[in-house]
Structures are given as C-alpha cells and as structure tokens.
Amino acid sequence: MPITEHLIELRSHLIKISLAVLVIFLALVGFSRELYDFLSDPLVAQLPANSTMIATDITSNFMAPIRLTIFVAAFFAMPYILYQVWSFVAPGLYKKEKKIAIPVLLSSIILFYAGVAFAYFIVLKGVLKFFIMFAPQNVLPMTDIDSYLSFALKLFMVFGITFEIPVVTFLLILVGIVSIKSLEDKRRYIIVGCFAIAAVVTPPDGVSMLMLAIPMWLLFELGLLLAKVLIKEKTENALAANESADN
C-alpha cells in the first residue's frame, strides 16, 4: 500500500478516536462539577475545618472541571482507542503476532485502569495526608483547584503507565531484546532503578516514592514470572511438536 493510503487510513482512525472522545465528553460535560467533586474528595477530607479549595484564576472554576472531563472521556474511550490502533497495525502482522497482540492489548487496558484506580484510592489519600500533616501551624492549607488537578492527573498517568511494566517486560523478553537470565542477574540494579525513577517522577515525599517504587518492583517480578511460564510452555510445545514429527 502506498504511503499516501497509509496516511489516509491513519487519518480515518484518528478521526474515529476523536469522535469517540468527543461523544463521551459531551455525555459527561453536564456532570463536570460532580466529576471534579469526586476527584477533590480525598483532598477536602484532609483539609482543616476552616479551610477550603480556592481558584486563583478567573477561568479556573470553568476550565479545571472541563479539563478533567476531557481526561475522563479519553480514559473511558481507551478500549476503543486501542481497538483503532489495533485495526491500523493488524493488517501488517503475521498470525502468530496477532495471537500475541490481542492478549497484550487487553492486558494493557486492564493494567492501566488498575494503575489509575490504585493511584486514586490508595496513593492520593496517603500523599495528601502527608503534605497537610507537615504544614506549619501558622499556614492554612488552601489548594488552588487548577494546581490540584494537574497534580492528580500527573499522579494518575505515572501510575497508569507504571502498571504496564509486566507487559513491557514480557515483550522485551519475547522479542529477544533481553533474556530472562540477564534480568535476573541485574535484579538488584533494576530495584535500585525503580526507587530512583520513583524519586524523580513522584512528588518530593517518601510516601509517594515508596508507593510507586514497590509496585514497580513487584510488577517487574510479575512480568518476569509470566515470561518464564509462557516461554517455557512455548519451548515445551515446540519440543513436543519436533518429537512427534520425528516419530
């Protein structure tokens, strides 16, 4: 297929993705304030009785809920977005690659949702409690709604992407970029790397760093375990096929 036809097909898929996000956004925009209330509940629960959230910009009261609604629309549209990506790349894949790609896509969706849920229900509350607890006594915490939104969305994206580690580890081993033994030999360095990355991408506190570094390490171990099981099964099936062919 000529490059122009590929670009036309890509544009078609991008249009479908944009329309899907737009439709979900329009369905949710009437509930944008409720969505922001849901997002801000962990913070409001930690604030002192005489404290509240504030808007330091005249447009923040409108734009912050709208930005959140766009994120939520893309979040809910993620299965359809990945389906469109799959539809674009699938014609160029072999049958074996297609068999691998479908479970990988489904796992990626589930793990991303799990990462965002983990960040909201577990991490966010602990991080906010840590910051507010260490506030000076003569300082009354009043967080800007736009700043809080940016903080929360960054946290969600970091944990959503981090939870893809098992899939990434498995794919790297599967395509032969790294081996299981090399990863096992370098495990101590990988663990140190998890803590170093967590220290860079999370807010400057020990709680969020630990809550990211430890899951990163455990998710790496999960990806390694899956690779061991699946590649061993694949090897055994290949040996069985060779033995039956020889007989």
Protein backbone atom coordinates (compact mmCIF):
# COMPACT_ATOMS: atom_id res chain seq x y z
CA MET A 1 0.00 0.00 0.00
CA PRO A 2 1.42 3.46 -0.92
CA ILE A 3 2.38 5.79 1.91
CA THR A 4 -0.44 8.19 1.00
CA GLU A 5 -3.03 5.46 1.50
CA HIS A 6 -1.48 4.61 4.88
CA LEU A 7 -1.76 8.27 5.88
CA ILE A 8 -5.38 8.40 4.71
CA GLU A 9 -6.19 5.29 6.73
CA LEU A 10 -4.37 6.70 9.75
CA ARG A 11 -6.37 9.92 9.47
CA SER A 12 -9.57 7.87 9.37
CA HIS A 13 -8.67 6.09 12.59
CA LEU A 14 -7.65 9.36 14.28
CA ILE A 15 -10.99 10.91 13.29
CA LYS A 16 -12.85 7.94 14.79
CA ILE A 17 -10.83 8.24 18.01
CA SER A 18 -11.52 11.99 18.22
CA LEU A 19 -15.24 11.46 17.64
CA ALA A 20 -15.41 8.76 20.32
CA VAL A 21 -13.70 11.03 22.87
CA LEU A 22 -15.95 13.93 21.82
CA VAL A 23 -19.14 11.87 22.20
CA ILE A 24 -18.15 10.70 25.68
CA PHE A 25 -17.07 14.23 26.59
CA LEU A 26 -20.44 15.67 25.53
CA ALA A 27 -22.22 12.97 27.54
CA LEU A 28 -20.17 13.82 30.65
CA VAL A 29 -19.75 17.59 30.38
CA GLY A 30 -23.03 18.18 32.22
CA PHE A 31 -21.52 16.33 35.18
CA SER A 32 -18.14 18.11 35.08
CA ARG A 33 -18.60 19.71 38.51
CA GLU A 34 -19.61 16.37 40.04
CA LEU A 35 -16.54 14.75 38.47
CA TYR A 36 -14.30 17.40 40.00
CA ASP A 37 -16.02 16.97 43.36
CA PHE A 38 -15.26 13.23 43.15
CA LEU A 39 -11.63 13.97 42.31
CA SER A 40 -11.25 16.51 45.11
CA ASP A 41 -12.95 14.42 47.81
CA PRO A 42 -9.61 12.94 49.07
CA LEU A 43 -8.18 16.45 49.47
CA VAL A 44 -11.28 18.01 51.02
CA ALA A 45 -11.41 15.18 53.57
CA GLN A 46 -7.86 16.08 54.72
CA LEU A 47 -8.30 19.86 54.92
CA PRO A 48 -8.90 21.57 58.29
CA ALA A 49 -12.48 22.50 59.12
CA ASN A 50 -11.98 26.20 58.32
CA SER A 51 -10.05 25.57 55.09
CA THR A 52 -11.27 25.13 51.52
CA MET A 53 -10.07 24.91 47.93
CA ILE A 54 -9.59 28.17 46.03
CA ALA A 55 -9.41 29.42 42.44
CA THR A 56 -6.57 31.88 41.82
CA ASP A 57 -7.56 32.48 38.20
CA ILE A 58 -10.90 33.79 36.94
CA THR A 59 -11.21 30.93 34.43
CA SER A 60 -10.17 28.11 36.79
CA ASN A 61 -13.70 27.44 38.05
CA PHE A 62 -14.72 26.64 34.48
CA MET A 63 -11.57 25.23 32.90
CA ALA A 64 -10.49 22.81 35.66
CA PRO A 65 -13.69 20.69 35.51
CA ILE A 66 -13.62 20.81 31.70
CA ARG A 67 -10.01 19.60 31.59
CA LEU A 68 -10.89 16.80 33.98
CA THR A 69 -13.87 15.82 31.83
CA ILE A 70 -11.66 15.58 28.75
CA PHE A 71 -9.28 13.30 30.65
CA VAL A 72 -12.16 11.13 31.88
CA ALA A 73 -13.59 10.92 28.34
CA ALA A 74 -10.23 9.72 26.99
CA PHE A 75 -9.95 7.34 29.96
CA PHE A 76 -13.30 5.70 29.20
CA ALA A 77 -12.57 5.67 25.46
CA MET A 78 -9.24 3.87 25.94
CA PRO A 79 -10.52 0.42 24.85
CA TYR A 80 -11.92 1.93 21.64
CA ILE A 81 -8.72 3.96 21.10
CA LEU A 82 -6.60 0.82 21.39
CA TYR A 83 -9.03 -1.03 19.11
CA GLN A 84 -8.48 1.63 16.45
CA VAL A 85 -4.71 1.34 16.91
CA TRP A 86 -5.06 -2.41 16.55
CA SER A 87 -7.18 -2.03 13.39
CA PHE A 88 -4.46 0.13 11.85
CA VAL A 89 -1.49 -2.15 12.60
CA ALA A 90 -3.20 -5.58 12.39
CA PRO A 91 -3.05 -5.96 8.57
CA GLY A 92 0.74 -5.82 8.75
CA LEU A 93 1.06 -8.54 11.40
CA TYR A 94 1.54 -12.28 10.98
CA LYS A 95 -0.91 -14.74 12.55
CA LYS A 96 1.45 -15.54 15.44
CA GLU A 97 1.93 -11.83 16.13
CA LYS A 98 -1.84 -11.28 16.12
CA LYS A 99 -2.32 -14.04 18.69
CA ILE A 100 0.15 -12.30 20.98
CA ALA A 101 -1.05 -8.76 20.27
CA ILE A 102 -4.66 -9.25 21.38
CA PRO A 103 -3.85 -10.50 24.93
CA VAL A 104 -1.20 -7.79 25.20
CA LEU A 105 -3.71 -5.07 24.30
CA LEU A 106 -6.32 -6.40 26.73
CA SER A 107 -3.72 -6.70 29.49
CA SER A 108 -2.52 -3.14 28.81
CA ILE A 109 -6.05 -1.75 29.20
CA ILE A 110 -6.71 -3.64 32.44
CA LEU A 111 -3.34 -2.71 33.93
CA PHE A 112 -3.70 0.97 33.01
CA TYR A 113 -7.12 1.13 34.68
CA ALA A 114 -5.73 -0.73 37.70
CA GLY A 115 -2.87 1.77 37.96
CA VAL A 116 -5.19 4.78 37.92
CA ALA A 117 -7.52 3.15 40.45
CA PHE A 118 -4.56 2.35 42.72
CA ALA A 119 -3.39 5.97 42.48
CA TYR A 120 -6.82 7.40 43.36
CA PHE A 121 -8.00 5.04 46.07
CA ILE A 122 -4.69 4.31 47.81
CA VAL A 123 -1.84 6.63 46.87
CA LEU A 124 -3.60 10.00 46.61
CA LYS A 125 -5.04 9.90 50.10
CA GLY A 126 -1.70 8.97 51.70
CA VAL A 127 0.25 11.62 49.80
CA LEU A 128 -2.23 14.39 50.62
CA LYS A 129 -2.32 13.40 54.27
CA PHE A 130 1.49 13.51 54.37
CA PHE A 131 1.71 17.02 52.88
CA ILE A 132 -1.05 18.51 55.02
CA MET A 133 0.25 16.89 58.20
CA PHE A 134 3.65 18.58 57.77
CA ALA A 135 2.23 22.02 57.02
CA PRO A 136 3.42 24.70 59.52
CA GLN A 137 0.90 25.54 62.24
CA ASN A 138 0.61 29.15 61.12
CA VAL A 139 -0.14 28.14 57.50
CA LEU A 140 -3.72 27.32 56.49
CA PRO A 141 -3.75 24.89 53.50
CA MET A 142 -5.87 26.26 50.63
CA THR A 143 -5.05 24.48 47.40
CA ASP A 144 -5.77 26.01 44.01
CA ILE A 145 -8.19 23.80 42.03
CA ASP A 146 -6.08 24.01 38.86
CA SER A 147 -2.87 23.06 40.66
CA TYR A 148 -4.59 20.14 42.38
CA LEU A 149 -5.96 18.89 39.05
CA SER A 150 -2.51 18.96 37.44
CA PHE A 151 -1.05 17.18 40.47
CA ALA A 152 -3.72 14.45 40.44
CA LEU A 153 -3.62 13.87 36.66
CA LYS A 154 0.17 13.57 36.74
CA LEU A 155 -0.12 11.03 39.55
CA PHE A 156 -2.74 9.03 37.61
CA MET A 157 -0.66 8.97 34.42
CA VAL A 158 2.51 7.95 36.28
CA PHE A 159 0.79 5.02 37.97
CA GLY A 160 -1.21 4.07 34.86
CA ILE A 161 1.99 3.84 32.81
CA THR A 162 3.91 2.17 35.64
CA PHE A 163 1.38 -0.65 35.80
CA GLU A 164 2.30 -1.52 32.20
CA ILE A 165 5.67 -2.85 33.39
CA PRO A 166 4.65 -6.56 33.24
CA VAL A 167 3.60 -6.18 29.61
CA VAL A 168 6.78 -4.28 28.68
CA THR A 169 8.98 -6.82 30.48
CA PHE A 170 7.26 -9.73 28.77
CA LEU A 171 7.53 -8.14 25.31
CA LEU A 172 11.21 -7.28 25.74
CA ILE A 173 11.94 -10.91 26.62
CA LEU A 174 9.68 -12.27 23.90
CA VAL A 175 11.29 -10.32 21.06
CA GLY A 176 14.78 -11.16 22.34
CA ILE A 177 15.96 -7.68 23.36
CA VAL A 178 16.74 -9.02 26.83
CA SER A 179 16.81 -12.51 28.31
CA ILE A 180 15.27 -13.84 31.50
CA LYS A 181 18.70 -14.68 32.90
CA SER A 182 20.10 -11.21 32.21
CA LEU A 183 17.18 -9.60 34.02
CA GLU A 184 17.58 -11.97 36.94
CA ASP A 185 21.29 -11.19 37.13
CA LYS A 186 20.59 -7.45 37.10
CA ARG A 187 17.65 -7.61 39.52
CA ARG A 188 19.42 -5.59 42.25
CA TYR A 189 20.18 -2.78 39.78
CA ILE A 190 16.61 -2.82 38.50
CA ILE A 191 15.28 -2.49 42.05
CA VAL A 192 17.57 0.48 42.68
CA GLY A 193 16.41 1.92 39.35
CA CYS A 194 12.76 1.58 40.43
CA PHE A 195 13.44 3.66 43.52
CA ALA A 196 15.46 6.21 41.52
CA ILE A 197 12.70 6.63 38.91
CA ALA A 198 10.05 6.86 41.63
CA ALA A 199 12.04 9.58 43.38
CA VAL A 200 12.16 11.62 40.15
CA VAL A 201 8.58 11.28 38.87
CA THR A 202 6.64 11.44 42.15
CA PRO A 203 6.11 14.43 44.45
CA PRO A 204 9.02 15.13 46.84
CA ASP A 205 7.96 12.88 49.70
CA GLY A 206 8.87 9.40 50.85
CA VAL A 207 5.29 8.10 50.90
CA SER A 208 4.55 8.50 47.20
CA MET A 209 8.06 7.32 46.28
CA LEU A 210 7.57 4.06 48.20
CA MET A 211 4.04 3.63 46.88
CA LEU A 212 5.40 3.79 43.33
CA ALA A 213 8.77 2.06 43.72
CA ILE A 214 7.46 -1.05 45.48
CA PRO A 215 4.66 -1.71 42.92
CA MET A 216 7.21 -1.11 40.11
CA TRP A 217 9.45 -3.79 41.57
CA LEU A 218 6.58 -6.24 42.12
CA LEU A 219 5.19 -5.61 38.63
CA PHE A 220 8.63 -6.28 37.15
CA GLU A 221 8.73 -9.58 39.04
CA LEU A 222 5.25 -10.39 37.71
CA GLY A 223 6.35 -9.73 34.12
CA LEU A 224 9.42 -11.89 34.65
CA LEU A 225 7.32 -14.71 36.09
CA LEU A 226 4.85 -14.56 33.18
CA ALA A 227 7.71 -14.66 30.69
CA LYS A 228 9.20 -17.72 32.44
CA VAL A 229 5.89 -19.59 32.39
CA LEU A 230 4.83 -18.69 28.85
CA ILE A 231 8.23 -19.09 27.20
CA LYS A 232 8.76 -22.43 28.99
CA GLU A 233 5.35 -23.58 27.76
CA LYS A 234 6.20 -22.42 24.24
CA THR A 235 9.52 -24.30 24.33
CA GLU A 236 7.88 -27.48 25.60
CA ASN A 237 5.24 -27.32 22.85
CA ALA A 238 7.95 -26.86 20.22
CA LEU A 239 9.91 -29.84 21.56
CA ALA A 240 6.76 -31.98 21.61
CA ALA A 241 6.00 -30.99 18.02
CA ASN A 242 9.54 -31.92 16.93
CA GLU A 243 9.35 -35.28 18.67
CA SER A 244 6.01 -36.11 17.06
CA ALA A 245 7.41 -35.08 13.66
CA ASP A 246 10.45 -37.36 14.16
CA ASN A 247 8.20 -40.28 15.08
